[in-house]
Every structure is written in structure tokens, then in C-alpha cells.
Amino acid sequence: FTKEYGATLANTVCTHPGYKSACQVFDDTLQCWFRKMVTGHCDDLPSLFKKRNKDLVKSCNDPDTDHLDIWMNHFTEAEKGYWRNNFKAQAEESKLFDTMNKLIPK
């Protein structure tokens, strides 16, 4: 499951023309984060896929939309807390995650 989805993760997530090549470089890193979310069941947070997916995809694919706008307008406080508790420390400790976040902010 994860391998099949992960094989297309970079192409699915990184649609901005300026990020496509860089995103493919970090595909393994993106797959790692995805596996962690799947195996941890996102701390049992409720799915908001049906409620926000259409607007979120539109914002993520809009080169004029800033990543902070997406963070502030599309994610709940519980989801932000989940990210801070599970990924922020890992990202700050890893040069790979840090580089990825600088090159691909969205």
C-alpha cells in the first residue's frame, strides 16, 4: 500500500513546476513521513478529506498561494499540534528534512 502510493507521492504532492525536480530528490523522505502518519493513525485525528480536499488541492497547486496561508487556513489546531509533536523536532534534527523544507516550502 505505502510503496504503491509512495511511488507517486512526489508527483502527486509536488505539482508546482519549480518544485517537481527537487521534490523527486526527496521522495524517500516524503514516503517516510507518510508511513509514519499511516502507521501512527495520525493520533486518531478525524479525517477532513471530504470537507477540505477540494480547496486544499486548489491552494496547494496555486503557485501564488504561500505555504503559510495553507497552514493557517486549511489545518485545524489539533492537526498543527500533531505536526509539532510528531514531525517538527524530527525535521529540525535532520539536515535532509531541513533542506527539503527550505527547497520545497509548500
PDB file of N, CA and C in Angstrom:
ATOM      1  N   PHE A   1       0.827  -1.208   0.000  1.00  0.00           N
ATOM      2  CA  PHE A   1       0.000   0.000   0.000  1.00  0.00           C
ATOM      3  C   PHE A   1       0.861   1.258   0.000  1.00  0.00           C
ATOM      4  N   THR A   2       1.715   1.390   0.991  1.00  0.00           N
ATOM      5  CA  THR A   2       2.535   2.592   1.092  1.00  0.00           C
ATOM      6  C   THR A   2       3.497   2.684  -0.077  1.00  0.00           C
ATOM      7  N   LYS A   3       4.066   1.554  -0.476  1.00  0.00           N
ATOM      8  CA  LYS A   3       5.021   1.567  -1.582  1.00  0.00           C
ATOM      9  C   LYS A   3       4.334   2.020  -2.870  1.00  0.00           C
ATOM     10  N   GLU A   4       3.116   1.501  -3.119  1.00  0.00           N
ATOM     11  CA  GLU A   4       2.398   1.886  -4.327  1.00  0.00           C
ATOM     12  C   GLU A   4       2.044   3.365  -4.301  1.00  0.00           C
ATOM     13  N   TYR A   5       1.526   3.842  -3.173  1.00  0.00           N
ATOM     14  CA  TYR A   5       1.177   5.254  -3.063  1.00  0.00           C
ATOM     15  C   TYR A   5       2.442   6.098  -3.079  1.00  0.00           C
ATOM     16  N   GLY A   6       3.440   5.647  -2.356  1.00  0.00           N
ATOM     17  CA  GLY A   6       4.691   6.384  -2.279  1.00  0.00           C
ATOM     18  C   GLY A   6       5.387   6.533  -3.609  1.00  0.00           C
ATOM     19  N   ALA A   7       5.169   5.572  -4.492  1.00  0.00           N
ATOM     20  CA  ALA A   7       5.798   5.645  -5.806  1.00  0.00           C
ATOM     21  C   ALA A   7       5.304   6.856  -6.587  1.00  0.00           C
ATOM     22  N   THR A   8       4.122   7.342  -6.258  1.00  0.00           N
ATOM     23  CA  THR A   8       3.567   8.503  -6.951  1.00  0.00           C
ATOM     24  C   THR A   8       3.476   9.721  -6.042  1.00  0.00           C
ATOM     25  N   LEU A   9       3.954   9.618  -4.828  1.00  0.00           N
ATOM     26  CA  LEU A   9       3.805  10.688  -3.851  1.00  0.00           C
ATOM     27  C   LEU A   9       4.406  11.999  -4.330  1.00  0.00           C
ATOM     28  N   ALA A  10       5.634  11.968  -4.782  1.00  0.00           N
ATOM     29  CA  ALA A  10       6.281  13.200  -5.222  1.00  0.00           C
ATOM     30  C   ALA A  10       5.533  13.816  -6.398  1.00  0.00           C
ATOM     31  N   ASN A  11       5.090  12.992  -7.334  1.00  0.00           N
ATOM     32  CA  ASN A  11       4.362  13.515  -8.488  1.00  0.00           C
ATOM     33  C   ASN A  11       2.990  14.048  -8.108  1.00  0.00           C
ATOM     34  N   THR A  12       2.389  13.475  -7.081  1.00  0.00           N
ATOM     35  CA  THR A  12       1.066  13.902  -6.643  1.00  0.00           C
ATOM     36  C   THR A  12       1.137  15.149  -5.779  1.00  0.00           C
ATOM     37  N   VAL A  13       2.088  15.180  -4.872  1.00  0.00           N
ATOM     38  CA  VAL A  13       2.197  16.285  -3.923  1.00  0.00           C
ATOM     39  C   VAL A  13       2.883  17.494  -4.538  1.00  0.00           C
ATOM     40  N   CYS A  14       3.893  17.271  -5.312  1.00  0.00           N
ATOM     41  CA  CYS A  14       4.705  18.367  -5.843  1.00  0.00           C
ATOM     42  C   CYS A  14       4.323  18.679  -7.276  1.00  0.00           C
ATOM     43  N   THR A  15       3.294  19.469  -7.437  1.00  0.00           N
ATOM     44  CA  THR A  15       2.831  19.788  -8.781  1.00  0.00           C
ATOM     45  C   THR A  15       3.316  21.156  -9.250  1.00  0.00           C
ATOM     46  N   HIS A  16       3.848  21.947  -8.352  1.00  0.00           N
ATOM     47  CA  HIS A  16       4.357  23.264  -8.733  1.00  0.00           C
ATOM     48  C   HIS A  16       5.572  23.055  -9.636  1.00  0.00           C
ATOM     49  N   PRO A  17       5.595  23.719 -10.799  1.00  0.00           N
ATOM     50  CA  PRO A  17       6.708  23.495 -11.746  1.00  0.00           C
ATOM     51  C   PRO A  17       8.099  23.731 -11.155  1.00  0.00           C
ATOM     52  N   GLY A  18       8.228  24.656 -10.250  1.00  0.00           N
ATOM     53  CA  GLY A  18       9.531  24.947  -9.675  1.00  0.00           C
ATOM     54  C   GLY A  18      10.000  23.930  -8.655  1.00  0.00           C
ATOM     55  N   TYR A  19       9.100  23.063  -8.192  1.00  0.00           N
ATOM     56  CA  TYR A  19       9.447  22.113  -7.138  1.00  0.00           C
ATOM     57  C   TYR A  19       9.521  20.666  -7.601  1.00  0.00           C
ATOM     58  N   LYS A  20       9.046  20.379  -8.824  1.00  0.00           N
ATOM     59  CA  LYS A  20       8.952  18.981  -9.258  1.00  0.00           C
ATOM     60  C   LYS A  20      10.265  18.219  -9.145  1.00  0.00           C
ATOM     61  N   SER A  21      11.328  18.769  -9.686  1.00  0.00           N
ATOM     62  CA  SER A  21      12.620  18.064  -9.664  1.00  0.00           C
ATOM     63  C   SER A  21      13.136  17.909  -8.249  1.00  0.00           C
ATOM     64  N   ALA A  22      13.064  18.975  -7.461  1.00  0.00           N
ATOM     65  CA  ALA A  22      13.546  18.911  -6.081  1.00  0.00           C
ATOM     66  C   ALA A  22      12.728  17.921  -5.274  1.00  0.00           C
ATOM     67  N   CYS A  23      11.440  17.900  -5.505  1.00  0.00           N
ATOM     68  CA  CYS A  23      10.571  17.002  -4.761  1.00  0.00           C
ATOM     69  C   CYS A  23      10.920  15.542  -5.031  1.00  0.00           C
ATOM     70  N   GLN A  24      11.258  15.214  -6.279  1.00  0.00           N
ATOM     71  CA  GLN A  24      11.629  13.843  -6.596  1.00  0.00           C
ATOM     72  C   GLN A  24      12.891  13.425  -5.858  1.00  0.00           C
ATOM     73  N   VAL A  25      13.788  14.364  -5.619  1.00  0.00           N
ATOM     74  CA  VAL A  25      15.006  14.075  -4.866  1.00  0.00           C
ATOM     75  C   VAL A  25      14.654  13.646  -3.445  1.00  0.00           C
ATOM     76  N   PHE A  26      13.581  14.231  -2.892  1.00  0.00           N
ATOM     77  CA  PHE A  26      13.193  13.960  -1.510  1.00  0.00           C
ATOM     78  C   PHE A  26      12.048  12.970  -1.392  1.00  0.00           C
ATOM     79  N   ASP A  27      11.789  12.214  -2.450  1.00  0.00           N
ATOM     80  CA  ASP A  27      10.671  11.281  -2.434  1.00  0.00           C
ATOM     81  C   ASP A  27      10.769  10.287  -1.271  1.00  0.00           C
ATOM     82  N   ASP A  28      11.950   9.758  -0.998  1.00  0.00           N
ATOM     83  CA  ASP A  28      12.106   8.810   0.118  1.00  0.00           C
ATOM     84  C   ASP A  28      11.735   9.469   1.451  1.00  0.00           C
ATOM     85  N   THR A  29      12.091  10.732   1.606  1.00  0.00           N
ATOM     86  CA  THR A  29      11.773  11.465   2.828  1.00  0.00           C
ATOM     87  C   THR A  29      10.270  11.652   2.958  1.00  0.00           C
ATOM     88  N   LEU A  30       9.612  12.018   1.864  1.00  0.00           N
ATOM     89  CA  LEU A  30       8.156  12.168   1.880  1.00  0.00           C
ATOM     90  C   LEU A  30       7.476  10.840   2.198  1.00  0.00           C
ATOM     91  N   GLN A  31       7.994   9.754   1.623  1.00  0.00           N
ATOM     92  CA  GLN A  31       7.428   8.434   1.901  1.00  0.00           C
ATOM     93  C   GLN A  31       7.598   8.070   3.376  1.00  0.00           C
ATOM     94  N   CYS A  32       8.723   8.441   3.958  1.00  0.00           N
ATOM     95  CA  CYS A  32       8.966   8.168   5.381  1.00  0.00           C
ATOM     96  C   CYS A  32       7.916   8.871   6.241  1.00  0.00           C
ATOM     97  N   TRP A  33       7.679  10.137   5.955  1.00  0.00           N
ATOM     98  CA  TRP A  33       6.659  10.870   6.714  1.00  0.00           C
ATOM     99  C   TRP A  33       5.282  10.257   6.520  1.00  0.00           C
ATOM    100  N   PHE A  34       4.971   9.889   5.297  1.00  0.00           N
ATOM    101  CA  PHE A  34       3.669   9.288   5.014  1.00  0.00           C
ATOM    102  C   PHE A  34       3.507   7.974   5.782  1.00  0.00           C
ATOM    103  N   ARG A  35       4.541   7.123   5.762  1.00  0.00           N
ATOM    104  CA  ARG A  35       4.481   5.854   6.507  1.00  0.00           C
ATOM    105  C   ARG A  35       4.269   6.099   7.993  1.00  0.00           C
ATOM    106  N   LYS A  36       4.948   7.099   8.528  1.00  0.00           N
ATOM    107  CA  LYS A  36       4.791   7.393   9.954  1.00  0.00           C
ATOM    108  C   LYS A  36       3.356   7.812  10.265  1.00  0.00           C
ATOM    109  N   MET A  37       2.758   8.621   9.414  1.00  0.00           N
ATOM    110  CA  MET A  37       1.372   9.035   9.641  1.00  0.00           C
ATOM    111  C   MET A  37       0.426   7.846   9.543  1.00  0.00           C
ATOM    112  N   VAL A  38       0.641   6.983   8.534  1.00  0.00           N
ATOM    113  CA  VAL A  38      -0.234   5.828   8.345  1.00  0.00           C
ATOM    114  C   VAL A  38      -0.110   4.857   9.515  1.00  0.00           C
ATOM    115  N   THR A  39       1.098   4.525   9.905  1.00  0.00           N
ATOM    116  CA  THR A  39       1.276   3.546  10.988  1.00  0.00           C
ATOM    117  C   THR A  39       0.849   4.118  12.336  1.00  0.00           C
ATOM    118  N   GLY A  40       0.940   5.430  12.509  1.00  0.00           N
ATOM    119  CA  GLY A  40       0.510   6.052  13.763  1.00  0.00           C
ATOM    120  C   GLY A  40      -0.933   6.493  13.753  1.00  0.00           C
ATOM    121  N   HIS A  41      -1.633   6.244  12.650  1.00  0.00           N
ATOM    122  CA  HIS A  41      -3.044   6.619  12.507  1.00  0.00           C
ATOM    123  C   HIS A  41      -3.288   8.091  12.822  1.00  0.00           C
ATOM    124  N   CYS A  42      -2.286   8.923  12.566  1.00  0.00           N
ATOM    125  CA  CYS A  42      -2.398  10.376  12.780  1.00  0.00           C
ATOM    126  C   CYS A  42      -2.997  10.705  14.148  1.00  0.00           C
ATOM    127  N   ASP A  43      -2.589   9.940  15.143  1.00  0.00           N
ATOM    128  CA  ASP A  43      -3.100  10.139  16.512  1.00  0.00           C
ATOM    129  C   ASP A  43      -4.619  10.113  16.567  1.00  0.00           C
ATOM    130  N   ASP A  44      -5.232   9.353  15.674  1.00  0.00           N
ATOM    131  CA  ASP A  44      -6.694   9.200  15.614  1.00  0.00           C
ATOM    132  C   ASP A  44      -7.441  10.506  15.389  1.00  0.00           C
ATOM    133  N   LEU A  45      -6.796  11.442  14.713  1.00  0.00           N
ATOM    134  CA  LEU A  45      -7.490  12.674  14.338  1.00  0.00           C
ATOM    135  C   LEU A  45      -8.569  12.339  13.314  1.00  0.00           C
ATOM    136  N   PRO A  46      -9.690  13.039  13.351  1.00  0.00           N
ATOM    137  CA  PRO A  46     -10.743  12.756  12.370  1.00  0.00           C
ATOM    138  C   PRO A  46     -10.313  13.179  10.967  1.00  0.00           C
ATOM    139  N   SER A  47     -10.736  12.426   9.986  1.00  0.00           N
ATOM    140  CA  SER A  47     -10.429  12.764   8.591  1.00  0.00           C
ATOM    141  C   SER A  47     -11.258  13.976   8.172  1.00  0.00           C
ATOM    142  N   LEU A  48     -10.589  14.916   7.529  1.00  0.00           N
ATOM    143  CA  LEU A  48     -11.280  16.089   6.975  1.00  0.00           C
ATOM    144  C   LEU A  48     -11.213  16.085   5.457  1.00  0.00           C
ATOM    145  N   PHE A  49     -10.915  14.924   4.899  1.00  0.00           N
ATOM    146  CA  PHE A  49     -10.742  14.798   3.457  1.00  0.00           C
ATOM    147  C   PHE A  49     -11.952  15.337   2.696  1.00  0.00           C
ATOM    148  N   LYS A  50     -13.127  14.855   3.029  1.00  0.00           N
ATOM    149  CA  LYS A  50     -14.335  15.264   2.292  1.00  0.00           C
ATOM    150  C   LYS A  50     -14.621  16.753   2.459  1.00  0.00           C
ATOM    151  N   LYS A  51     -14.309  17.275   3.619  1.00  0.00           N
ATOM    152  CA  LYS A  51     -14.615  18.670   3.918  1.00  0.00           C
ATOM    153  C   LYS A  51     -13.661  19.650   3.227  1.00  0.00           C
ATOM    154  N   ARG A  52     -12.378  19.317   3.148  1.00  0.00           N
ATOM    155  CA  ARG A  52     -11.422  20.317   2.685  1.00  0.00           C
ATOM    156  C   ARG A  52     -10.568  19.943   1.485  1.00  0.00           C
ATOM    157  N   ASN A  53     -10.629  18.709   1.019  1.00  0.00           N
ATOM    158  CA  ASN A  53      -9.700  18.273  -0.011  1.00  0.00           C
ATOM    159  C   ASN A  53      -9.727  19.151  -1.255  1.00  0.00           C
ATOM    160  N   LYS A  54     -10.898  19.468  -1.749  1.00  0.00           N
ATOM    161  CA  LYS A  54     -11.002  20.253  -2.984  1.00  0.00           C
ATOM    162  C   LYS A  54     -10.296  21.604  -2.838  1.00  0.00           C
ATOM    163  N   ASP A  55     -10.584  22.332  -1.751  1.00  0.00           N
ATOM    164  CA  ASP A  55      -9.960  23.635  -1.541  1.00  0.00           C
ATOM    165  C   ASP A  55      -8.468  23.512  -1.240  1.00  0.00           C
ATOM    166  N   LEU A  56      -8.083  22.473  -0.496  1.00  0.00           N
ATOM    167  CA  LEU A  56      -6.680  22.273  -0.159  1.00  0.00           C
ATOM    168  C   LEU A  56      -5.855  21.983  -1.409  1.00  0.00           C
ATOM    169  N   VAL A  57      -6.344  21.103  -2.263  1.00  0.00           N
ATOM    170  CA  VAL A  57      -5.637  20.777  -3.506  1.00  0.00           C
ATOM    171  C   VAL A  57      -5.517  22.027  -4.377  1.00  0.00           C
ATOM    172  N   LYS A  58      -6.582  22.794  -4.456  1.00  0.00           N
ATOM    173  CA  LYS A  58      -6.549  24.024  -5.250  1.00  0.00           C
ATOM    174  C   LYS A  58      -5.481  24.977  -4.717  1.00  0.00           C
ATOM    175  N   SER A  59      -5.441  25.162  -3.413  1.00  0.00           N
ATOM    176  CA  SER A  59      -4.442  26.055  -2.810  1.00  0.00           C
ATOM    177  C   SER A  59      -3.030  25.527  -2.999  1.00  0.00           C
ATOM    178  N   CYS A  60      -2.850  24.236  -2.809  1.00  0.00           N
ATOM    179  CA  CYS A  60      -1.515  23.648  -2.946  1.00  0.00           C
ATOM    180  C   CYS A  60      -0.993  23.728  -4.377  1.00  0.00           C
ATOM    181  N   ASN A  61      -1.890  23.706  -5.335  1.00  0.00           N
ATOM    182  CA  ASN A  61      -1.480  23.759  -6.738  1.00  0.00           C
ATOM    183  C   ASN A  61      -1.405  25.175  -7.290  1.00  0.00           C
ATOM    184  N   ASP A  62      -1.745  26.151  -6.485  1.00  0.00           N
ATOM    185  CA  ASP A  62      -1.705  27.547  -6.910  1.00  0.00           C
ATOM    186  C   ASP A  62      -0.330  28.127  -6.579  1.00  0.00           C
ATOM    187  N   PRO A  63       0.487  28.445  -7.593  1.00  0.00           N
ATOM    188  CA  PRO A  63       1.832  28.964  -7.314  1.00  0.00           C
ATOM    189  C   PRO A  63       1.826  30.307  -6.580  1.00  0.00           C
ATOM    190  N   ASP A  64       0.680  30.993  -6.567  1.00  0.00           N
ATOM    191  CA  ASP A  64       0.594  32.277  -5.877  1.00  0.00           C
ATOM    192  C   ASP A  64       0.159  32.149  -4.418  1.00  0.00           C
ATOM    193  N   THR A  65      -0.192  30.948  -3.991  1.00  0.00           N
ATOM    194  CA  THR A  65      -0.595  30.723  -2.603  1.00  0.00           C
ATOM    195  C   THR A  65       0.626  30.336  -1.777  1.00  0.00           C
ATOM    196  N   ASP A  66       0.866  31.063  -0.725  1.00  0.00           N
ATOM    197  CA  ASP A  66       2.010  30.836   0.150  1.00  0.00           C
ATOM    198  C   ASP A  66       1.742  29.635   1.065  1.00  0.00           C
ATOM    199  N   HIS A  67       2.806  28.905   1.402  1.00  0.00           N
ATOM    200  CA  HIS A  67       2.644  27.728   2.261  1.00  0.00           C
ATOM    201  C   HIS A  67       2.109  28.084   3.647  1.00  0.00           C
ATOM    202  N   LEU A  68       2.399  29.280   4.136  1.00  0.00           N
ATOM    203  CA  LEU A  68       1.864  29.680   5.443  1.00  0.00           C
ATOM    204  C   LEU A  68       0.364  29.925   5.380  1.00  0.00           C
ATOM    205  N   ASP A  69      -0.119  30.409   4.240  1.00  0.00           N
ATOM    206  CA  ASP A  69      -1.568  30.551   4.063  1.00  0.00           C
ATOM    207  C   ASP A  69      -2.247  29.188   4.127  1.00  0.00           C
ATOM    208  N   ILE A  70      -1.630  28.197   3.506  1.00  0.00           N
ATOM    209  CA  ILE A  70      -2.189  26.842   3.537  1.00  0.00           C
ATOM    210  C   ILE A  70      -2.205  26.329   4.974  1.00  0.00           C
ATOM    211  N   TRP A  71      -1.118  26.506   5.685  1.00  0.00           N
ATOM    212  CA  TRP A  71      -1.004  26.056   7.068  1.00  0.00           C
ATOM    213  C   TRP A  71      -2.067  26.717   7.946  1.00  0.00           C
ATOM    214  N   MET A  72      -2.218  28.026   7.815  1.00  0.00           N
ATOM    215  CA  MET A  72      -3.134  28.767   8.679  1.00  0.00           C
ATOM    216  C   MET A  72      -4.608  28.553   8.309  1.00  0.00           C
ATOM    217  N   ASN A  73      -4.893  28.349   7.043  1.00  0.00           N
ATOM    218  CA  ASN A  73      -6.284  28.307   6.595  1.00  0.00           C
ATOM    219  C   ASN A  73      -6.862  26.924   6.351  1.00  0.00           C
ATOM    220  N   HIS A  74      -6.020  25.910   6.294  1.00  0.00           N
ATOM    221  CA  HIS A  74      -6.536  24.582   5.942  1.00  0.00           C
ATOM    222  C   HIS A  74      -6.339  23.528   7.034  1.00  0.00           C
ATOM    223  N   PHE A  75      -5.588  23.843   8.060  1.00  0.00           N
ATOM    224  CA  PHE A  75      -5.317  22.846   9.094  1.00  0.00           C
ATOM    225  C   PHE A  75      -5.880  23.279  10.438  1.00  0.00           C
ATOM    226  N   THR A  76      -6.436  22.306  11.159  1.00  0.00           N
ATOM    227  CA  THR A  76      -7.014  22.589  12.473  1.00  0.00           C
ATOM    228  C   THR A  76      -5.899  22.736  13.507  1.00  0.00           C
ATOM    229  N   GLU A  77      -6.242  23.283  14.639  1.00  0.00           N
ATOM    230  CA  GLU A  77      -5.261  23.400  15.724  1.00  0.00           C
ATOM    231  C   GLU A  77      -4.787  22.015  16.161  1.00  0.00           C
ATOM    232  N   ALA A  78      -5.674  21.031  16.163  1.00  0.00           N
ATOM    233  CA  ALA A  78      -5.286  19.665  16.537  1.00  0.00           C
ATOM    234  C   ALA A  78      -4.270  19.102  15.545  1.00  0.00           C
ATOM    235  N   GLU A  79      -4.454  19.364  14.259  1.00  0.00           N
ATOM    236  CA  GLU A  79      -3.514  18.886  13.248  1.00  0.00           C
ATOM    237  C   GLU A  79      -2.172  19.598  13.359  1.00  0.00           C
ATOM    238  N   LYS A  80      -2.215  20.877  13.638  1.00  0.00           N
ATOM    239  CA  LYS A  80      -0.969  21.621  13.835  1.00  0.00           C
ATOM    240  C   LYS A  80      -0.222  21.077  15.052  1.00  0.00           C
ATOM    241  N   GLY A  81      -0.954  20.763  16.106  1.00  0.00           N
ATOM    242  CA  GLY A  81      -0.338  20.170  17.294  1.00  0.00           C
ATOM    243  C   GLY A  81       0.264  18.815  16.997  1.00  0.00           C
ATOM    244  N   TYR A  82      -0.452  18.005  16.211  1.00  0.00           N
ATOM    245  CA  TYR A  82       0.068  16.695  15.808  1.00  0.00           C
ATOM    246  C   TYR A  82       1.382  16.867  15.059  1.00  0.00           C
ATOM    247  N   TRP A  83       1.435  17.792  14.118  1.00  0.00           N
ATOM    248  CA  TRP A  83       2.658  18.014  13.358  1.00  0.00           C
ATOM    249  C   TRP A  83       3.787  18.471  14.283  1.00  0.00           C
ATOM    250  N   ARG A  84       3.491  19.428  15.157  1.00  0.00           N
ATOM    251  CA  ARG A  84       4.533  19.940  16.067  1.00  0.00           C
ATOM    252  C   ARG A  84       5.067  18.828  16.967  1.00  0.00           C
ATOM    253  N   ASN A  85       4.186  17.976  17.448  1.00  0.00           N
ATOM    254  CA  ASN A  85       4.590  16.918  18.379  1.00  0.00           C
ATOM    255  C   ASN A  85       5.272  15.738  17.702  1.00  0.00           C
ATOM    256  N   ASN A  86       4.985  15.524  16.429  1.00  0.00           N
ATOM    257  CA  ASN A  86       5.498  14.331  15.763  1.00  0.00           C
ATOM    258  C   ASN A  86       6.552  14.580  14.696  1.00  0.00           C
ATOM    259  N   PHE A  87       6.553  15.727  14.080  1.00  0.00           N
ATOM    260  CA  PHE A  87       7.450  15.949  12.952  1.00  0.00           C
ATOM    261  C   PHE A  87       8.396  17.119  13.116  1.00  0.00           C
ATOM    262  N   LYS A  88       7.994  18.131  13.833  1.00  0.00           N
ATOM    263  CA  LYS A  88       8.821  19.330  13.920  1.00  0.00           C
ATOM    264  C   LYS A  88      10.213  19.031  14.486  1.00  0.00           C
ATOM    265  N   ALA A  89      10.262  18.315  15.604  1.00  0.00           N
ATOM    266  CA  ALA A  89      11.561  18.002  16.216  1.00  0.00           C
ATOM    267  C   ALA A  89      12.404  17.142  15.273  1.00  0.00           C
ATOM    268  N   GLN A  90      11.765  16.168  14.642  1.00  0.00           N
ATOM    269  CA  GLN A  90      12.475  15.300  13.703  1.00  0.00           C
ATOM    270  C   GLN A  90      13.006  16.120  12.538  1.00  0.00           C
ATOM    271  N   ALA A  91      12.203  17.028  12.030  1.00  0.00           N
ATOM    272  CA  ALA A  91      12.615  17.856  10.894  1.00  0.00           C
ATOM    273  C   ALA A  91      13.769  18.778  11.281  1.00  0.00           C
ATOM    274  N   GLU A  92      13.717  19.323  12.471  1.00  0.00           N
ATOM    275  CA  GLU A  92      14.774  20.231  12.907  1.00  0.00           C
ATOM    276  C   GLU A  92      16.088  19.515  13.146  1.00  0.00           C
ATOM    277  N   GLU A  93      16.030  18.246  13.528  1.00  0.00           N
ATOM    278  CA  GLU A  93      17.242  17.472  13.795  1.00  0.00           C
ATOM    279  C   GLU A  93      17.854  16.896  12.517  1.00  0.00           C
ATOM    280  N   SER A  94      17.092  16.797  11.478  1.00  0.00           N
ATOM    281  CA  SER A  94      17.559  16.160  10.245  1.00  0.00           C
ATOM    282  C   SER A  94      17.939  17.201   9.206  1.00  0.00           C
ATOM    283  N   LYS A  95      19.156  17.128   8.727  1.00  0.00           N
ATOM    284  CA  LYS A  95      19.587  18.048   7.672  1.00  0.00           C
ATOM    285  C   LYS A  95      18.786  17.813   6.393  1.00  0.00           C
ATOM    286  N   LEU A  96      18.416  16.561   6.146  1.00  0.00           N
ATOM    287  CA  LEU A  96      17.649  16.241   4.951  1.00  0.00           C
ATOM    288  C   LEU A  96      16.267  16.893   5.001  1.00  0.00           C
ATOM    289  N   PHE A  97      15.568  16.733   6.133  1.00  0.00           N
ATOM    290  CA  PHE A  97      14.254  17.351   6.284  1.00  0.00           C
ATOM    291  C   PHE A  97      14.372  18.868   6.214  1.00  0.00           C
ATOM    292  N   ASP A  98      15.382  19.400   6.850  1.00  0.00           N
ATOM    293  CA  ASP A  98      15.583  20.847   6.861  1.00  0.00           C
ATOM    294  C   ASP A  98      15.799  21.372   5.445  1.00  0.00           C
ATOM    295  N   THR A  99      16.650  20.695   4.689  1.00  0.00           N
ATOM    296  CA  THR A  99      16.908  21.096   3.309  1.00  0.00           C
ATOM    297  C   THR A  99      15.642  20.982   2.466  1.00  0.00           C
ATOM    298  N   MET A 100      14.906  19.895   2.643  1.00  0.00           N
ATOM    299  CA  MET A 100      13.673  19.705   1.891  1.00  0.00           C
ATOM    300  C   MET A 100      12.687  20.836   2.182  1.00  0.00           C
ATOM    301  N   ASN A 101      12.528  21.191   3.437  1.00  0.00           N
ATOM    302  CA  ASN A 101      11.592  22.239   3.805  1.00  0.00           C
ATOM    303  C   ASN A 101      12.011  23.608   3.270  1.00  0.00           C
ATOM    304  N   LYS A 102      13.290  23.832   3.135  1.00  0.00           N
ATOM    305  CA  LYS A 102      13.762  25.107   2.575  1.00  0.00           C
ATOM    306  C   LYS A 102      13.551  25.155   1.063  1.00  0.00           C
ATOM    307  N   LEU A 103      13.767  24.024   0.386  1.00  0.00           N
ATOM    308  CA  LEU A 103      13.635  23.992  -1.061  1.00  0.00           C
ATOM    309  C   LEU A 103      12.193  23.856  -1.514  1.00  0.00           C
ATOM    310  N   ILE A 104      11.402  23.139  -0.714  1.00  0.00           N
ATOM    311  CA  ILE A 104      10.007  22.866  -1.077  1.00  0.00           C
ATOM    312  C   ILE A 104       9.117  23.294   0.088  1.00  0.00           C
ATOM    313  N   PRO A 105       8.886  24.577   0.258  1.00  0.00           N
ATOM    314  CA  PRO A 105       8.143  25.027   1.424  1.00  0.00           C
ATOM    315  C   PRO A 105       6.674  24.660   1.418  1.00  0.00           C
ATOM    316  N   LYS A 106       6.107  24.382   0.279  1.00  0.00           N
ATOM    317  CA  LYS A 106       4.676  24.107   0.191  1.00  0.00           C
ATOM    318  C   LYS A 106       4.423  22.634   0.169  1.00  0.00           C
TER     319      LYS A 106
END
